[in-house]
Amino acid sequence: QVQLVESGGGLVQAGGSLRLSCAASGRAFNTYAIGWFRQAPGKEREFVASISGIGDSTYYADSVKGRFTISRDNAKNTVYLQMNNLKPEDTAVYYCAARRSLLSGDYYSPSDYDYWGQGTQVTVSS
């Protein structure tokens, strides 16, 4: 079992950057694929990015490709989401999620994940 805590959200102007962190407790962190999702008011939770357990495979939603980068430091039990060139439409609560997977990371649905953090708010002003 793993517990997840997100941090790093905040208010930023359009064109700015933020780096979100997802810190995990528990053992064998490198056996978990991690995904980032976001949910805006009145909308469904949507996939943003994911990374395999060992960190060699990454996946992105088309809407963030080229602007966001997911990475992980398994020695620190932490996954990061670097968000550059932020847009007002990126405003949402961002969640990280985990599921058992060493080599694969291409899990795009919230139902693919077993563990969730509490979320961190990202607000991008125009």
C-alpha atoms as a PDB file:
ATOM      1  CA  GLN A   1       0.000   0.000   0.000  1.00  0.00           C
ATOM      2  CA  VAL A   2       1.141   3.559  -0.677  1.00  0.00           C
ATOM      3  CA  GLN A   3       0.006   6.951   0.560  1.00  0.00           C
ATOM      4  CA  LEU A   4       0.375  10.025  -1.637  1.00  0.00           C
ATOM      5  CA  VAL A   5       0.634  13.725  -0.786  1.00  0.00           C
ATOM      6  CA  GLU A   6       0.681  16.440  -3.453  1.00  0.00           C
ATOM      7  CA  SER A   7       2.237  19.866  -3.026  1.00  0.00           C
ATOM      8  CA  GLY A   8       3.371  22.809  -5.110  1.00  0.00           C
ATOM      9  CA  GLY A   9       0.102  24.199  -6.346  1.00  0.00           C
ATOM     10  CA  GLY A  10      -0.712  27.878  -6.298  1.00  0.00           C
ATOM     11  CA  LEU A  11      -1.710  30.953  -8.256  1.00  0.00           C
ATOM     12  CA  VAL A  12       0.334  31.880 -11.321  1.00  0.00           C
ATOM     13  CA  GLN A  13      -0.092  34.166 -14.302  1.00  0.00           C
ATOM     14  CA  ALA A  14      -0.534  32.781 -17.789  1.00  0.00           C
ATOM     15  CA  GLY A  15       2.837  31.871 -19.264  1.00  0.00           C
ATOM     16  CA  GLY A  16       4.275  31.089 -15.858  1.00  0.00           C
ATOM     17  CA  SER A  17       5.523  27.834 -14.365  1.00  0.00           C
ATOM     18  CA  LEU A  18       4.863  25.595 -11.387  1.00  0.00           C
ATOM     19  CA  ARG A  19       6.348  22.323 -10.225  1.00  0.00           C
ATOM     20  CA  LEU A  20       4.065  19.894  -8.463  1.00  0.00           C
ATOM     21  CA  SER A  21       5.399  17.158  -6.216  1.00  0.00           C
ATOM     22  CA  CYS A  22       3.821  13.864  -5.252  1.00  0.00           C
ATOM     23  CA  ALA A  23       5.480  12.373  -2.185  1.00  0.00           C
ATOM     24  CA  ALA A  24       4.793   8.733  -1.380  1.00  0.00           C
ATOM     25  CA  SER A  25       5.085   6.720   1.781  1.00  0.00           C
ATOM     26  CA  GLY A  26       5.355   2.981   1.736  1.00  0.00           C
ATOM     27  CA  ARG A  27       7.745   0.414   0.382  1.00  0.00           C
ATOM     28  CA  ALA A  28       8.881  -0.474  -3.126  1.00  0.00           C
ATOM     29  CA  PHE A  29       7.935   2.882  -4.624  1.00  0.00           C
ATOM     30  CA  ASN A  30       9.662   1.927  -7.879  1.00  0.00           C
ATOM     31  CA  THR A  31       7.085  -0.800  -8.466  1.00  0.00           C
ATOM     32  CA  TYR A  32       4.296   1.762  -8.803  1.00  0.00           C
ATOM     33  CA  ALA A  33       3.373   3.656 -11.934  1.00  0.00           C
ATOM     34  CA  ILE A  34       2.291   7.195 -11.088  1.00  0.00           C
ATOM     35  CA  GLY A  35      -0.238   9.299 -12.932  1.00  0.00           C
ATOM     36  CA  TRP A  36      -1.213  12.935 -12.688  1.00  0.00           C
ATOM     37  CA  PHE A  37      -4.847  13.870 -13.247  1.00  0.00           C
ATOM     38  CA  ARG A  38      -6.733  17.121 -12.956  1.00  0.00           C
ATOM     39  CA  GLN A  39     -10.310  18.114 -12.361  1.00  0.00           C
ATOM     40  CA  ALA A  40     -11.819  21.510 -13.068  1.00  0.00           C
ATOM     41  CA  PRO A  41     -15.156  22.578 -11.550  1.00  0.00           C
ATOM     42  CA  GLY A  42     -18.043  20.880 -13.292  1.00  0.00           C
ATOM     43  CA  LYS A  43     -15.779  18.665 -15.357  1.00  0.00           C
ATOM     44  CA  GLU A  44     -14.661  15.077 -15.156  1.00  0.00           C
ATOM     45  CA  ARG A  45     -11.254  14.103 -13.876  1.00  0.00           C
ATOM     46  CA  GLU A  46      -8.866  13.945 -16.823  1.00  0.00           C
ATOM     47  CA  PHE A  47      -5.494  12.366 -17.478  1.00  0.00           C
ATOM     48  CA  VAL A  48      -2.487  14.686 -17.610  1.00  0.00           C
ATOM     49  CA  ALA A  49       0.663  12.546 -17.545  1.00  0.00           C
ATOM     50  CA  SER A  50       2.023   9.250 -16.248  1.00  0.00           C
ATOM     51  CA  ILE A  51       5.324   7.520 -15.670  1.00  0.00           C
ATOM     52  CA  SER A  52       6.362   3.900 -15.230  1.00  0.00           C
ATOM     53  CA  GLY A  53       7.747   2.566 -11.972  1.00  0.00           C
ATOM     54  CA  ILE A  54      11.349   2.645 -13.088  1.00  0.00           C
ATOM     55  CA  GLY A  55      10.826   5.976 -14.813  1.00  0.00           C
ATOM     56  CA  ASP A  56      11.864   5.115 -18.352  1.00  0.00           C
ATOM     57  CA  SER A  57       8.443   5.535 -19.962  1.00  0.00           C
ATOM     58  CA  THR A  58       6.341   8.683 -19.861  1.00  0.00           C
ATOM     59  CA  TYR A  59       2.971   9.552 -21.351  1.00  0.00           C
ATOM     60  CA  TYR A  60       1.144  12.851 -21.821  1.00  0.00           C
ATOM     61  CA  ALA A  61      -2.242  14.182 -22.745  1.00  0.00           C
ATOM     62  CA  ASP A  62      -2.170  16.075 -26.033  1.00  0.00           C
ATOM     63  CA  SER A  63      -3.252  19.243 -24.248  1.00  0.00           C
ATOM     64  CA  VAL A  64      -0.056  19.376 -22.163  1.00  0.00           C
ATOM     65  CA  LYS A  65       2.484  17.755 -24.478  1.00  0.00           C
ATOM     66  CA  GLY A  66       5.497  20.010 -24.928  1.00  0.00           C
ATOM     67  CA  ARG A  67       4.600  22.118 -21.867  1.00  0.00           C
ATOM     68  CA  PHE A  68       4.526  19.624 -18.971  1.00  0.00           C
ATOM     69  CA  THR A  69       7.206  17.141 -17.948  1.00  0.00           C
ATOM     70  CA  ILE A  70       6.738  14.245 -15.553  1.00  0.00           C
ATOM     71  CA  SER A  71       9.738  12.763 -13.750  1.00  0.00           C
ATOM     72  CA  ARG A  72      10.501  10.757 -10.644  1.00  0.00           C
ATOM     73  CA  ASP A  73      13.211  10.324  -8.053  1.00  0.00           C
ATOM     74  CA  ASN A  74      12.730   6.861  -6.582  1.00  0.00           C
ATOM     75  CA  ALA A  75      15.416   7.479  -3.976  1.00  0.00           C
ATOM     76  CA  LYS A  76      13.182  10.254  -2.601  1.00  0.00           C
ATOM     77  CA  ASN A  77       9.870   8.462  -3.222  1.00  0.00           C
ATOM     78  CA  THR A  78       8.714  11.494  -5.197  1.00  0.00           C
ATOM     79  CA  VAL A  79       7.219  12.190  -8.604  1.00  0.00           C
ATOM     80  CA  TYR A  80       7.277  15.667 -10.121  1.00  0.00           C
ATOM     81  CA  LEU A  81       5.175  17.473 -12.684  1.00  0.00           C
ATOM     82  CA  GLN A  82       6.967  20.470 -14.150  1.00  0.00           C
ATOM     83  CA  MET A  83       4.396  22.738 -15.770  1.00  0.00           C
ATOM     84  CA  ASN A  84       5.600  25.483 -18.105  1.00  0.00           C
ATOM     85  CA  ASN A  85       3.769  28.021 -20.251  1.00  0.00           C
ATOM     86  CA  LEU A  86       0.665  27.606 -18.148  1.00  0.00           C
ATOM     87  CA  LYS A  87      -2.699  28.617 -19.585  1.00  0.00           C
ATOM     88  CA  PRO A  88      -5.955  29.600 -17.869  1.00  0.00           C
ATOM     89  CA  GLU A  89      -7.458  26.305 -19.067  1.00  0.00           C
ATOM     90  CA  ASP A  90      -4.896  24.451 -16.934  1.00  0.00           C
ATOM     91  CA  THR A  91      -6.727  25.696 -13.836  1.00  0.00           C
ATOM     92  CA  ALA A  92      -7.876  22.666 -11.828  1.00  0.00           C
ATOM     93  CA  VAL A  93      -7.222  20.538  -8.787  1.00  0.00           C
ATOM     94  CA  TYR A  94      -4.306  18.267  -9.629  1.00  0.00           C
ATOM     95  CA  TYR A  95      -4.136  14.752  -8.218  1.00  0.00           C
ATOM     96  CA  CYS A  96      -1.452  12.112  -8.296  1.00  0.00           C
ATOM     97  CA  ALA A  97      -2.372   8.445  -8.307  1.00  0.00           C
ATOM     98  CA  ALA A  98      -0.534   5.123  -8.101  1.00  0.00           C
ATOM     99  CA  ARG A  99      -0.925   1.567  -9.282  1.00  0.00           C
ATOM    100  CA  ARG A 100       1.377  -1.435  -9.264  1.00  0.00           C
ATOM    101  CA  SER A 101       3.460  -1.479 -12.440  1.00  0.00           C
ATOM    102  CA  LEU A 102       7.211  -1.716 -12.815  1.00  0.00           C
ATOM    103  CA  LEU A 103       7.684  -1.315 -16.545  1.00  0.00           C
ATOM    104  CA  SER A 104       4.467   0.152 -17.947  1.00  0.00           C
ATOM    105  CA  GLY A 105       3.024   3.584 -17.397  1.00  0.00           C
ATOM    106  CA  ASP A 106       0.367   3.911 -20.099  1.00  0.00           C
ATOM    107  CA  TYR A 107      -2.645   4.017 -17.819  1.00  0.00           C
ATOM    108  CA  TYR A 108      -5.005   6.831 -18.779  1.00  0.00           C
ATOM    109  CA  SER A 109      -8.202   6.254 -16.851  1.00  0.00           C
ATOM    110  CA  PRO A 110      -8.798   7.150 -13.186  1.00  0.00           C
ATOM    111  CA  SER A 111     -10.151   3.623 -12.735  1.00  0.00           C
ATOM    112  CA  ASP A 112      -6.707   2.227 -13.618  1.00  0.00           C
ATOM    113  CA  TYR A 113      -5.296   3.563 -10.342  1.00  0.00           C
ATOM    114  CA  ASP A 114      -5.686   2.236  -6.821  1.00  0.00           C
ATOM    115  CA  TYR A 115      -4.295   5.020  -4.611  1.00  0.00           C
ATOM    116  CA  TRP A 116      -4.903   8.766  -4.716  1.00  0.00           C
ATOM    117  CA  GLY A 117      -3.624  11.894  -3.048  1.00  0.00           C
ATOM    118  CA  GLN A 118      -5.839  14.665  -1.726  1.00  0.00           C
ATOM    119  CA  GLY A 119      -5.079  17.086  -4.573  1.00  0.00           C
ATOM    120  CA  THR A 120      -3.473  20.496  -4.918  1.00  0.00           C
ATOM    121  CA  GLN A 121      -5.095  23.552  -6.492  1.00  0.00           C
ATOM    122  CA  VAL A 122      -3.518  25.185  -9.533  1.00  0.00           C
ATOM    123  CA  THR A 123      -4.982  28.492 -10.667  1.00  0.00           C
ATOM    124  CA  VAL A 124      -3.735  30.274 -13.773  1.00  0.00           C
ATOM    125  CA  SER A 125      -4.857  33.866 -14.239  1.00  0.00           C
ATOM    126  CA  SER A 126      -5.119  35.509 -17.635  1.00  0.00           C
END
